Amino acid sequence: SEGVAVALGTGEIVYANAAMGQMFGYGVDELVGMNVRQLNADPSTRKDEILAEMRRAAGAEGRWVGELNSIRRDGS
């Protein structure tokens, strides 16, 4: 029931589960290849901070877990 995505250090999504697709209004095949920045509703400077934190956590702990201000395909 939880949306899960795996992304490269660049932010490119390489895996997403069906729940992630349902949350954002995309098919799983559409999410793969997207950049996580496209799903984030925060201003660009905040997106950079979040991506840097994701990279740091993934490098130090092997994963990042957190919440984002997100935007669905339909803009909601």
PDB file of N, CA and C in Angstrom:
ATOM      1  N   SER A   1       0.815  -1.209   0.000  1.00  0.00           N
ATOM      2  CA  SER A   1       0.000   0.000   0.000  1.00  0.00           C
ATOM      3  C   SER A   1       0.854   1.266   0.000  1.00  0.00           C
ATOM      4  N   GLU A   2       2.158   1.134   0.216  1.00  0.00           N
ATOM      5  CA  GLU A   2       3.026   2.307   0.232  1.00  0.00           C
ATOM      6  C   GLU A   2       3.741   2.445  -1.099  1.00  0.00           C
ATOM      7  N   GLY A   3       3.846   3.692  -1.542  1.00  0.00           N
ATOM      8  CA  GLY A   3       4.571   3.960  -2.769  1.00  0.00           C
ATOM      9  C   GLY A   3       6.065   3.819  -2.545  1.00  0.00           C
ATOM     10  N   VAL A   4       6.720   3.075  -3.402  1.00  0.00           N
ATOM     11  CA  VAL A   4       8.157   2.855  -3.295  1.00  0.00           C
ATOM     12  C   VAL A   4       8.797   3.148  -4.644  1.00  0.00           C
ATOM     13  N   ALA A   5       9.893   3.881  -4.595  1.00  0.00           N
ATOM     14  CA  ALA A   5      10.669   4.140  -5.806  1.00  0.00           C
ATOM     15  C   ALA A   5      12.140   3.998  -5.467  1.00  0.00           C
ATOM     16  N   VAL A   6      12.909   3.541  -6.426  1.00  0.00           N
ATOM     17  CA  VAL A   6      14.360   3.474  -6.321  1.00  0.00           C
ATOM     18  C   VAL A   6      14.901   4.404  -7.396  1.00  0.00           C
ATOM     19  N   ALA A   7      15.818   5.276  -6.985  1.00  0.00           N
ATOM     20  CA  ALA A   7      16.368   6.260  -7.921  1.00  0.00           C
ATOM     21  C   ALA A   7      17.887   6.268  -7.861  1.00  0.00           C
ATOM     22  N   LEU A   8      18.486   6.603  -8.983  1.00  0.00           N
ATOM     23  CA  LEU A   8      19.938   6.789  -9.056  1.00  0.00           C
ATOM     24  C   LEU A   8      20.318   8.082  -8.346  1.00  0.00           C
ATOM     25  N   GLY A   9      21.594   8.294  -8.146  1.00  0.00           N
ATOM     26  CA  GLY A   9      22.078   9.529  -7.523  1.00  0.00           C
ATOM     27  C   GLY A   9      21.691  10.773  -8.295  1.00  0.00           C
ATOM     28  N   THR A  10      21.418  10.630  -9.571  1.00  0.00           N
ATOM     29  CA  THR A  10      20.988  11.749 -10.407  1.00  0.00           C
ATOM     30  C   THR A  10      19.517  12.084 -10.199  1.00  0.00           C
ATOM     31  N   GLY A  11      18.793  11.193  -9.511  1.00  0.00           N
ATOM     32  CA  GLY A  11      17.359  11.389  -9.304  1.00  0.00           C
ATOM     33  C   GLY A  11      16.502  10.610 -10.278  1.00  0.00           C
ATOM     34  N   GLU A  12      17.128   9.925 -11.243  1.00  0.00           N
ATOM     35  CA  GLU A  12      16.364   9.151 -12.220  1.00  0.00           C
ATOM     36  C   GLU A  12      15.754   7.915 -11.558  1.00  0.00           C
ATOM     37  N   ILE A  13      14.464   7.753 -11.715  1.00  0.00           N
ATOM     38  CA  ILE A  13      13.762   6.608 -11.142  1.00  0.00           C
ATOM     39  C   ILE A  13      14.050   5.376 -11.998  1.00  0.00           C
ATOM     40  N   VAL A  14      14.534   4.319 -11.336  1.00  0.00           N
ATOM     41  CA  VAL A  14      14.829   3.070 -12.044  1.00  0.00           C
ATOM     42  C   VAL A  14      13.855   1.965 -11.652  1.00  0.00           C
ATOM     43  N   TYR A  15      13.080   2.187 -10.602  1.00  0.00           N
ATOM     44  CA  TYR A  15      12.060   1.226 -10.184  1.00  0.00           C
ATOM     45  C   TYR A  15      10.974   1.986  -9.448  1.00  0.00           C
ATOM     46  N   ALA A  16       9.737   1.615  -9.686  1.00  0.00           N
ATOM     47  CA  ALA A  16       8.605   2.144  -8.923  1.00  0.00           C
ATOM     48  C   ALA A  16       7.568   1.029  -8.819  1.00  0.00           C
ATOM     49  N   ASN A  17       6.908   0.955  -7.672  1.00  0.00           N
ATOM     50  CA  ASN A  17       5.875  -0.073  -7.543  1.00  0.00           C
ATOM     51  C   ASN A  17       4.519   0.496  -7.960  1.00  0.00           C
ATOM     52  N   ALA A  18       3.520  -0.378  -8.039  1.00  0.00           N
ATOM     53  CA  ALA A  18       2.188   0.031  -8.500  1.00  0.00           C
ATOM     54  C   ALA A  18       1.571   1.084  -7.585  1.00  0.00           C
ATOM     55  N   ALA A  19       1.808   0.974  -6.273  1.00  0.00           N
ATOM     56  CA  ALA A  19       1.251   1.959  -5.340  1.00  0.00           C
ATOM     57  C   ALA A  19       1.816   3.351  -5.613  1.00  0.00           C
ATOM     58  N   MET A  20       3.087   3.418  -5.985  1.00  0.00           N
ATOM     59  CA  MET A  20       3.700   4.713  -6.333  1.00  0.00           C
ATOM     60  C   MET A  20       3.007   5.293  -7.558  1.00  0.00           C
ATOM     61  N   GLY A  21       2.757   4.461  -8.547  1.00  0.00           N
ATOM     62  CA  GLY A  21       2.048   4.920  -9.736  1.00  0.00           C
ATOM     63  C   GLY A  21       0.661   5.432  -9.412  1.00  0.00           C
ATOM     64  N   GLN A  22      -0.056   4.720  -8.567  1.00  0.00           N
ATOM     65  CA  GLN A  22      -1.406   5.143  -8.178  1.00  0.00           C
ATOM     66  C   GLN A  22      -1.368   6.453  -7.416  1.00  0.00           C
ATOM     67  N   MET A  23      -0.385   6.610  -6.537  1.00  0.00           N
ATOM     68  CA  MET A  23      -0.275   7.852  -5.761  1.00  0.00           C
ATOM     69  C   MET A  23      -0.118   9.070  -6.657  1.00  0.00           C
ATOM     70  N   PHE A  24       0.652   8.917  -7.729  1.00  0.00           N
ATOM     71  CA  PHE A  24       0.987  10.056  -8.578  1.00  0.00           C
ATOM     72  C   PHE A  24       0.185  10.131  -9.869  1.00  0.00           C
ATOM     73  N   GLY A  25      -0.606   9.106 -10.153  1.00  0.00           N
ATOM     74  CA  GLY A  25      -1.424   9.132 -11.358  1.00  0.00           C
ATOM     75  C   GLY A  25      -0.678   8.738 -12.619  1.00  0.00           C
ATOM     76  N   TYR A  26       0.414   8.014 -12.475  1.00  0.00           N
ATOM     77  CA  TYR A  26       1.202   7.539 -13.613  1.00  0.00           C
ATOM     78  C   TYR A  26       1.206   6.025 -13.630  1.00  0.00           C
ATOM     79  N   GLY A  27       1.446   5.446 -14.799  1.00  0.00           N
ATOM     80  CA  GLY A  27       1.743   4.029 -14.868  1.00  0.00           C
ATOM     81  C   GLY A  27       3.165   3.813 -14.398  1.00  0.00           C
ATOM     82  N   VAL A  28       3.452   2.635 -13.863  1.00  0.00           N
ATOM     83  CA  VAL A  28       4.805   2.336 -13.403  1.00  0.00           C
ATOM     84  C   VAL A  28       5.810   2.552 -14.526  1.00  0.00           C
ATOM     85  N   ASP A  29       5.459   2.148 -15.739  1.00  0.00           N
ATOM     86  CA  ASP A  29       6.363   2.304 -16.875  1.00  0.00           C
ATOM     87  C   ASP A  29       6.635   3.771 -17.196  1.00  0.00           C
ATOM     88  N   GLU A  30       5.711   4.654 -16.845  1.00  0.00           N
ATOM     89  CA  GLU A  30       5.924   6.092 -17.064  1.00  0.00           C
ATOM     90  C   GLU A  30       6.849   6.681 -16.000  1.00  0.00           C
ATOM     91  N   LEU A  31       6.775   6.164 -14.778  1.00  0.00           N
ATOM     92  CA  LEU A  31       7.628   6.674 -13.704  1.00  0.00           C
ATOM     93  C   LEU A  31       9.095   6.327 -13.928  1.00  0.00           C
ATOM     94  N   VAL A  32       9.341   5.114 -14.422  1.00  0.00           N
ATOM     95  CA  VAL A  32      10.725   4.699 -14.680  1.00  0.00           C
ATOM     96  C   VAL A  32      11.300   5.601 -15.770  1.00  0.00           C
ATOM     97  N   GLY A  33      12.417   6.209 -15.441  1.00  0.00           N
ATOM     98  CA  GLY A  33      13.057   7.155 -16.353  1.00  0.00           C
ATOM     99  C   GLY A  33      12.794   8.604 -15.992  1.00  0.00           C
ATOM    100  N   MET A  34      11.728   8.855 -15.224  1.00  0.00           N
ATOM    101  CA  MET A  34      11.466  10.223 -14.759  1.00  0.00           C
ATOM    102  C   MET A  34      12.485  10.584 -13.684  1.00  0.00           C
ATOM    103  N   ASN A  35      12.643  11.868 -13.449  1.00  0.00           N
ATOM    104  CA  ASN A  35      13.478  12.334 -12.358  1.00  0.00           C
ATOM    105  C   ASN A  35      12.582  12.633 -11.170  1.00  0.00           C
ATOM    106  N   VAL A  36      13.020  12.295  -9.971  1.00  0.00           N
ATOM    107  CA  VAL A  36      12.210  12.534  -8.776  1.00  0.00           C
ATOM    108  C   VAL A  36      11.843  14.008  -8.629  1.00  0.00           C
ATOM    109  N   ARG A  37      12.651  14.896  -9.207  1.00  0.00           N
ATOM    110  CA  ARG A  37      12.356  16.330  -9.145  1.00  0.00           C
ATOM    111  C   ARG A  37      11.005  16.652  -9.787  1.00  0.00           C
ATOM    112  N   GLN A  38      10.620  15.855 -10.792  1.00  0.00           N
ATOM    113  CA  GLN A  38       9.363  16.087 -11.493  1.00  0.00           C
ATOM    114  C   GLN A  38       8.152  15.799 -10.606  1.00  0.00           C
ATOM    115  N   LEU A  39       8.351  15.045  -9.557  1.00  0.00           N
ATOM    116  CA  LEU A  39       7.256  14.684  -8.654  1.00  0.00           C
ATOM    117  C   LEU A  39       7.226  15.571  -7.416  1.00  0.00           C
ATOM    118  N   ASN A  40       8.179  16.475  -7.306  1.00  0.00           N
ATOM    119  CA  ASN A  40       8.311  17.317  -6.123  1.00  0.00           C
ATOM    120  C   ASN A  40       7.747  18.702  -6.411  1.00  0.00           C
ATOM    121  N   ALA A  41       6.850  19.155  -5.545  1.00  0.00           N
ATOM    122  CA  ALA A  41       6.183  20.445  -5.732  1.00  0.00           C
ATOM    123  C   ALA A  41       6.941  21.605  -5.093  1.00  0.00           C
ATOM    124  N   ASP A  42       8.045  21.342  -4.420  1.00  0.00           N
ATOM    125  CA  ASP A  42       8.804  22.397  -3.763  1.00  0.00           C
ATOM    126  C   ASP A  42       9.531  23.284  -4.770  1.00  0.00           C
ATOM    127  N   PRO A  43       9.921  24.495  -4.360  1.00  0.00           N
ATOM    128  CA  PRO A  43      10.720  25.358  -5.240  1.00  0.00           C
ATOM    129  C   PRO A  43      12.039  24.676  -5.601  1.00  0.00           C
ATOM    130  N   SER A  44      12.660  25.084  -6.703  1.00  0.00           N
ATOM    131  CA  SER A  44      13.880  24.450  -7.199  1.00  0.00           C
ATOM    132  C   SER A  44      14.987  24.388  -6.158  1.00  0.00           C
ATOM    133  N   THR A  45      15.175  25.439  -5.379  1.00  0.00           N
ATOM    134  CA  THR A  45      16.239  25.424  -4.375  1.00  0.00           C
ATOM    135  C   THR A  45      15.984  24.343  -3.326  1.00  0.00           C
ATOM    136  N   ARG A  46      14.757  24.171  -2.932  1.00  0.00           N
ATOM    137  CA  ARG A  46      14.410  23.114  -1.972  1.00  0.00           C
ATOM    138  C   ARG A  46      14.584  21.736  -2.604  1.00  0.00           C
ATOM    139  N   LYS A  47      14.275  21.612  -3.893  1.00  0.00           N
ATOM    140  CA  LYS A  47      14.478  20.341  -4.589  1.00  0.00           C
ATOM    141  C   LYS A  47      15.945  19.951  -4.541  1.00  0.00           C
ATOM    142  N   ASP A  48      16.829  20.916  -4.734  1.00  0.00           N
ATOM    143  CA  ASP A  48      18.267  20.642  -4.682  1.00  0.00           C
ATOM    144  C   ASP A  48      18.675  20.166  -3.291  1.00  0.00           C
ATOM    145  N   GLU A  49      18.140  20.793  -2.253  1.00  0.00           N
ATOM    146  CA  GLU A  49      18.444  20.391  -0.877  1.00  0.00           C
ATOM    147  C   GLU A  49      17.959  18.972  -0.600  1.00  0.00           C
ATOM    148  N   ILE A  50      16.757  18.669  -1.053  1.00  0.00           N
ATOM    149  CA  ILE A  50      16.186  17.340  -0.831  1.00  0.00           C
ATOM    150  C   ILE A  50      17.009  16.288  -1.561  1.00  0.00           C
ATOM    151  N   LEU A  51      17.370  16.551  -2.807  1.00  0.00           N
ATOM    152  CA  LEU A  51      18.157  15.590  -3.576  1.00  0.00           C
ATOM    153  C   LEU A  51      19.522  15.372  -2.919  1.00  0.00           C
ATOM    154  N   ALA A  52      20.130  16.442  -2.406  1.00  0.00           N
ATOM    155  CA  ALA A  52      21.413  16.309  -1.720  1.00  0.00           C
ATOM    156  C   ALA A  52      21.263  15.458  -0.458  1.00  0.00           C
ATOM    157  N   GLU A  53      20.179  15.641   0.269  1.00  0.00           N
ATOM    158  CA  GLU A  53      19.927  14.843   1.469  1.00  0.00           C
ATOM    159  C   GLU A  53      19.694  13.378   1.100  1.00  0.00           C
ATOM    160  N   MET A  54      18.975  13.135   0.015  1.00  0.00           N
ATOM    161  CA  MET A  54      18.759  11.760  -0.443  1.00  0.00           C
ATOM    162  C   MET A  54      20.093  11.094  -0.762  1.00  0.00           C
ATOM    163  N   ARG A  55      20.958  11.805  -1.472  1.00  0.00           N
ATOM    164  CA  ARG A  55      22.271  11.254  -1.830  1.00  0.00           C
ATOM    165  C   ARG A  55      23.098  10.965  -0.583  1.00  0.00           C
ATOM    166  N   ARG A  56      23.099  11.909   0.371  1.00  0.00           N
ATOM    167  CA  ARG A  56      23.876  11.732   1.588  1.00  0.00           C
ATOM    168  C   ARG A  56      23.404  10.510   2.349  1.00  0.00           C
ATOM    169  N   ALA A  57      22.091  10.410   2.554  1.00  0.00           N
ATOM    170  CA  ALA A  57      21.532   9.289   3.315  1.00  0.00           C
ATOM    171  C   ALA A  57      21.773   7.963   2.602  1.00  0.00           C
ATOM    172  N   ALA A  58      21.595   7.958   1.294  1.00  0.00           N
ATOM    173  CA  ALA A  58      21.802   6.719   0.540  1.00  0.00           C
ATOM    174  C   ALA A  58      23.260   6.272   0.636  1.00  0.00           C
ATOM    175  N   GLY A  59      24.182   7.214   0.592  1.00  0.00           N
ATOM    176  CA  GLY A  59      25.600   6.873   0.706  1.00  0.00           C
ATOM    177  C   GLY A  59      25.983   6.405   2.095  1.00  0.00           C
ATOM    178  N   ALA A  60      25.433   7.042   3.116  1.00  0.00           N
ATOM    179  CA  ALA A  60      25.789   6.715   4.493  1.00  0.00           C
ATOM    180  C   ALA A  60      25.010   5.526   5.044  1.00  0.00           C
ATOM    181  N   GLU A  61      23.738   5.424   4.675  1.00  0.00           N
ATOM    182  CA  GLU A  61      22.862   4.423   5.277  1.00  0.00           C
ATOM    183  C   GLU A  61      22.314   3.418   4.271  1.00  0.00           C
ATOM    184  N   GLY A  62      22.564   3.651   2.993  1.00  0.00           N
ATOM    185  CA  GLY A  62      22.083   2.744   1.965  1.00  0.00           C
ATOM    186  C   GLY A  62      20.663   3.009   1.519  1.00  0.00           C
ATOM    187  N   ARG A  63      20.010   4.013   2.093  1.00  0.00           N
ATOM    188  CA  ARG A  63      18.638   4.346   1.696  1.00  0.00           C
ATOM    189  C   ARG A  63      18.248   5.703   2.264  1.00  0.00           C
ATOM    190  N   TRP A  64      17.219   6.271   1.687  1.00  0.00           N
ATOM    191  CA  TRP A  64      16.614   7.500   2.206  1.00  0.00           C
ATOM    192  C   TRP A  64      15.143   7.214   2.423  1.00  0.00           C
ATOM    193  N   VAL A  65      14.654   7.600   3.560  1.00  0.00           N
ATOM    194  CA  VAL A  65      13.239   7.475   3.867  1.00  0.00           C
ATOM    195  C   VAL A  65      12.772   8.847   4.314  1.00  0.00           C
ATOM    196  N   GLY A  66      11.691   9.324   3.735  1.00  0.00           N
ATOM    197  CA  GLY A  66      11.207  10.632   4.120  1.00  0.00           C
ATOM    198  C   GLY A  66       9.938  10.990   3.394  1.00  0.00           C
ATOM    199  N   GLU A  67       9.520  12.202   3.603  1.00  0.00           N
ATOM    200  CA  GLU A  67       8.305  12.713   2.971  1.00  0.00           C
ATOM    201  C   GLU A  67       8.647  13.900   2.097  1.00  0.00           C
ATOM    202  N   LEU A  68       7.891  14.037   1.026  1.00  0.00           N
ATOM    203  CA  LEU A  68       8.082  15.128   0.085  1.00  0.00           C
ATOM    204  C   LEU A  68       6.765  15.856  -0.142  1.00  0.00           C
ATOM    205  N   ASN A  69       6.845  17.114  -0.502  1.00  0.00           N
ATOM    206  CA  ASN A  69       5.682  17.837  -0.997  1.00  0.00           C
ATOM    207  C   ASN A  69       5.600  17.498  -2.479  1.00  0.00           C
ATOM    208  N   SER A  70       4.624  16.718  -2.815  1.00  0.00           N
ATOM    209  CA  SER A  70       4.579  16.135  -4.159  1.00  0.00           C
ATOM    210  C   SER A  70       3.468  16.723  -5.009  1.00  0.00           C
ATOM    211  N   ILE A  71       3.586  16.441  -6.294  1.00  0.00           N
ATOM    212  CA  ILE A  71       2.579  16.894  -7.251  1.00  0.00           C
ATOM    213  C   ILE A  71       2.185  15.712  -8.134  1.00  0.00           C
ATOM    214  N   ARG A  72       0.887  15.512  -8.252  1.00  0.00           N
ATOM    215  CA  ARG A  72       0.381  14.425  -9.070  1.00  0.00           C
ATOM    216  C   ARG A  72       0.360  14.838 -10.547  1.00  0.00           C
ATOM    217  N   ARG A  73       0.195  13.855 -11.389  1.00  0.00           N
ATOM    218  CA  ARG A  73       0.149  14.091 -12.833  1.00  0.00           C
ATOM    219  C   ARG A  73      -0.870  15.161 -13.202  1.00  0.00           C
ATOM    220  N   ASP A  74      -2.024  15.167 -12.508  1.00  0.00           N
ATOM    221  CA  ASP A  74      -3.088  16.129 -12.831  1.00  0.00           C
ATOM    222  C   ASP A  74      -2.875  17.505 -12.201  1.00  0.00           C
ATOM    223  N   GLY A  75      -1.723  17.695 -11.523  1.00  0.00           N
ATOM    224  CA  GLY A  75      -1.398  18.990 -10.925  1.00  0.00           C
ATOM    225  C   GLY A  75      -1.858  19.153  -9.493  1.00  0.00           C
ATOM    226  N   SER A  76      -2.624  18.204  -8.992  1.00  0.00           N
ATOM    227  CA  SER A  76      -3.069  18.316  -7.582  1.00  0.00           C
ATOM    228  C   SER A  76      -1.956  17.922  -6.633  1.00  0.00           C
TER     229      SER A  76
END
